[in-house]
Protein backbone atom coordinates (compact mmCIF):
# COMPACT_ATOMS: atom_id res chain seq x y z
CA UNK A 1 0.00 0.00 0.00
CA UNK A 2 1.01 3.61 -0.42
CA UNK A 3 1.02 6.31 2.21
CA UNK A 4 1.78 9.96 1.58
CA UNK A 5 5.39 10.85 2.49
CA UNK A 6 5.59 13.40 5.27
CA UNK A 7 8.21 16.18 5.09
CA UNK A 8 10.57 16.81 7.97
CA UNK A 9 9.41 19.43 10.42
CA UNK A 10 12.91 20.57 11.36
CA UNK A 11 16.21 20.42 9.46
CA UNK A 12 19.60 20.70 11.17
CA UNK A 13 20.98 24.12 12.04
CA UNK A 14 22.21 25.93 8.95
CA UNK A 15 19.36 24.77 6.69
CA UNK A 16 15.91 26.19 6.11
CA UNK A 17 13.08 23.94 4.93
CA UNK A 18 11.35 25.32 1.82
CA UNK A 19 7.89 24.41 0.52
CA UNK A 20 9.31 23.46 -2.87
CA UNK A 21 12.32 23.75 -5.13
CA UNK A 22 11.70 25.25 -8.56
CA UNK A 23 13.51 24.46 -11.79
CA UNK A 24 13.39 26.79 -14.78
CA UNK A 25 14.39 24.20 -17.37
CA UNK A 26 18.16 24.55 -16.94
CA UNK A 27 18.81 23.08 -13.47
CA UNK A 28 18.90 19.52 -12.19
CA UNK A 29 19.81 17.70 -8.98
CA UNK A 30 22.21 14.76 -8.98
CA UNK A 31 21.00 12.42 -6.22
CA UNK A 32 24.33 10.58 -6.20
CA UNK A 33 22.36 7.31 -6.21
CA UNK A 34 22.40 4.73 -8.99
CA UNK A 35 18.96 3.24 -9.70
CA UNK A 36 17.88 -0.37 -9.23
CA UNK A 37 14.74 -1.94 -10.69
CA UNK A 38 13.93 -3.03 -7.11
CA UNK A 39 13.37 0.60 -6.04
CA UNK A 40 10.24 2.63 -5.62
CA UNK A 41 10.33 6.39 -6.28
CA UNK A 42 7.64 8.76 -4.98
CA UNK A 43 7.79 12.40 -6.08
CA UNK A 44 5.38 15.28 -5.51
CA UNK A 45 5.68 17.87 -8.27
CA UNK A 46 3.94 20.47 -10.43
CA UNK A 47 4.68 21.27 -14.08
CA UNK A 48 4.73 24.89 -15.16
CA UNK A 49 2.99 26.11 -18.32
CA UNK A 50 6.02 25.58 -20.56
CA UNK A 51 7.27 22.23 -19.24
CA UNK A 52 8.92 19.85 -21.66
CA UNK A 53 11.53 17.69 -20.00
CA UNK A 54 12.36 14.93 -17.54
CA UNK A 55 10.92 14.88 -14.03
CA UNK A 56 13.61 12.37 -13.13
CA UNK A 57 15.71 9.77 -14.86
CA UNK A 58 18.89 7.90 -15.54
CA UNK A 59 19.92 5.96 -18.64
CA UNK A 60 23.10 3.93 -19.06
CA UNK A 61 21.94 2.45 -22.38
CA UNK A 62 18.67 1.63 -24.17
CA UNK A 63 18.08 -1.40 -21.89
CA UNK A 64 19.11 0.16 -18.58
CA UNK A 65 16.97 3.18 -17.80
CA UNK A 66 14.14 4.70 -15.82
CA UNK A 67 12.65 8.09 -16.60
CA UNK A 68 9.47 10.13 -16.76
CA UNK A 69 9.24 12.87 -19.34
CA UNK A 70 6.44 15.34 -18.83
CA UNK A 71 5.38 17.71 -21.59
CA UNK A 72 2.59 20.15 -20.79
CA UNK A 73 -0.23 19.48 -23.26
CA UNK A 74 1.33 16.32 -24.76
CA UNK A 75 1.55 12.66 -23.80
CA UNK A 76 3.75 11.77 -20.82
CA UNK A 77 6.54 9.35 -21.69
CA UNK A 78 7.56 6.69 -19.18
CA UNK A 79 10.66 4.49 -19.54
CA UNK A 80 11.59 1.36 -17.58
CA UNK A 81 14.47 -0.93 -18.60
CA UNK A 82 14.14 -1.65 -22.31
CA UNK A 83 10.48 -0.56 -22.35
CA UNK A 84 8.83 2.77 -23.04
CA UNK A 85 5.24 3.95 -23.08
CA UNK A 86 3.32 7.13 -23.91
CA UNK A 87 0.53 7.74 -21.43
CA UNK A 88 -1.95 10.41 -20.37
CA UNK A 89 -1.16 14.09 -20.49
CA UNK A 90 -0.21 15.90 -17.28
CA UNK A 91 -1.54 19.44 -16.90
CA UNK A 92 0.32 22.56 -15.81
CA UNK A 93 -0.22 23.99 -12.33
CA UNK A 94 -1.61 20.76 -10.85
CA UNK A 95 0.21 19.16 -7.91
CA UNK A 96 0.82 15.49 -8.72
CA UNK A 97 2.28 12.54 -6.86
CA UNK A 98 4.11 10.02 -9.03
CA UNK A 99 4.54 6.56 -7.52
CA UNK A 100 6.97 4.49 -9.62
CA UNK A 101 6.97 1.20 -7.70
CA UNK A 102 9.46 -1.09 -9.43
CA UNK A 103 7.65 -1.86 -12.72
CA UNK A 104 4.33 -0.13 -11.88
CA UNK A 105 3.83 3.60 -12.36
CA UNK A 106 0.82 5.58 -11.18
CA UNK A 107 0.04 9.24 -10.69
CA UNK A 108 -2.59 11.04 -8.71
CA UNK A 109 -4.76 13.01 -9.29
CA UNK A 110 -4.46 11.60 -12.80
CA UNK A 111 -5.42 8.47 -14.65
CA UNK A 112 -1.78 7.97 -15.66
CA UNK A 113 -0.99 4.35 -14.86
CA UNK A 114 1.07 1.68 -16.54
CA UNK A 115 2.38 -1.75 -15.62
CA UNK A 116 5.61 -2.74 -17.35
CA UNK A 117 6.84 -6.32 -17.71
CA UNK A 118 9.17 -6.77 -14.71
CA UNK A 119 12.89 -6.47 -15.50
CA UNK A 120 16.02 -6.70 -13.38
CA UNK A 121 18.66 -4.01 -13.89
CA UNK A 122 20.84 -1.50 -12.08
CA UNK A 123 22.38 1.66 -13.45
CA UNK A 124 25.97 2.72 -12.95
CA UNK A 125 25.11 6.42 -13.39
CA UNK A 126 23.24 8.41 -10.72
CA UNK A 127 19.55 9.27 -10.83
CA UNK A 128 18.85 12.95 -11.59
CA UNK A 129 15.83 14.93 -10.45
CA UNK A 130 14.47 17.65 -12.82
CA UNK A 131 16.38 15.96 -15.68
CA UNK A 132 17.60 12.64 -17.06
CA UNK A 133 21.19 11.52 -16.61
CA UNK A 134 21.96 10.23 -20.10
CA UNK A 135 25.25 8.37 -19.68
CA UNK A 136 26.69 11.17 -17.53
CA UNK A 137 25.04 14.17 -19.24
CA UNK A 138 21.94 16.09 -18.20
CA UNK A 139 19.25 15.95 -20.91
CA UNK A 140 16.05 17.98 -21.15
CA UNK A 141 15.76 19.52 -17.66
CA UNK A 142 12.17 20.19 -16.59
CA UNK A 143 10.64 23.47 -15.50
CA UNK A 144 8.34 23.15 -12.53
CA UNK A 145 8.21 22.61 -8.78
CA UNK A 146 9.26 19.65 -6.66
CA UNK A 147 7.89 19.26 -3.14
CA UNK A 148 9.52 16.01 -1.99
CA UNK A 149 11.24 12.96 -3.46
CA UNK A 150 11.55 9.64 -1.62
CA UNK A 151 13.36 6.51 -2.82
CA UNK A 152 12.53 3.18 -1.17
CA UNK A 153 14.12 -0.27 -1.41
CA UNK A 154 11.99 -3.30 -2.23
CA UNK A 155 11.23 -3.86 1.47
CA UNK A 156 9.90 -0.24 1.79
CA UNK A 157 13.00 0.97 3.64
CA UNK A 158 13.70 4.63 2.85
CA UNK A 159 17.00 4.84 0.96
CA UNK A 160 16.80 8.59 0.38
CA UNK A 161 14.33 11.31 1.28
CA UNK A 162 14.96 14.67 -0.38
CA UNK A 163 13.22 17.79 0.90
CA UNK A 164 13.57 21.31 -0.55
CA UNK A 165 15.94 23.45 1.48
CA UNK A 166 18.26 26.44 1.52
CA UNK A 167 21.82 26.26 2.81
CA UNK A 168 21.79 29.33 5.07
CA UNK A 169 25.56 29.93 4.90
CA UNK A 170 25.76 29.91 1.08
CA UNK A 171 22.12 30.76 0.17
CA UNK A 172 22.19 27.82 -2.26
CA UNK A 173 18.83 26.25 -3.00
CA UNK A 174 18.66 22.49 -3.34
CA UNK A 175 17.46 19.35 -1.64
CA UNK A 176 18.39 18.16 1.82
CA UNK A 177 18.81 14.40 2.03
CA UNK A 178 17.44 13.41 5.41
CA UNK A 179 18.74 9.86 5.10
CA UNK A 180 22.30 10.91 4.21
CA UNK A 181 22.10 14.06 6.36
CA UNK A 182 23.60 16.07 3.52
CA UNK A 183 22.67 18.93 1.20
CA UNK A 184 22.56 18.54 -2.60
CA UNK A 185 22.62 21.85 -4.42
CA UNK A 186 20.91 22.25 -7.78
CA UNK A 187 23.27 22.30 -10.78
CA UNK A 188 23.09 24.58 -13.82
């Protein structure tokens, strides 16, 4: 079953919790984590009116990938392993929760849902948020807002929980990883 992730109430001294992090179509966040087909990714986000890019993704080659590409007003593209699918359109200015649970993807409040044939794979490159890591290069960063991103292992253990934050000493905006107790700044 799925329960809504809850954001941290308090971050360590030196960090301020933000309601969201916003990308303008040039930034991305490198999670530092390779992806495994055993993982589940839950992300709350909102596309802006000119979105055309990847919400998250990593691709080592055509058979080793996971990604969601959202284009305001066009079909959403979902990739898993060697498979790809065009699904329902996501609208601008609507707050969505994507739940990509191993080979099953769903989104609320949307009818976007797809079940891929299960595959077993792991990437060597790190998963990016607001973009796709295409063999070490950021491709098609997304413009929109991200409220939280949580990555779980197959037994529902939280591997990483990223919440929007500001590093108070540098004024950098990025995501604070509660599980790693570290700050990941957005990259341009």
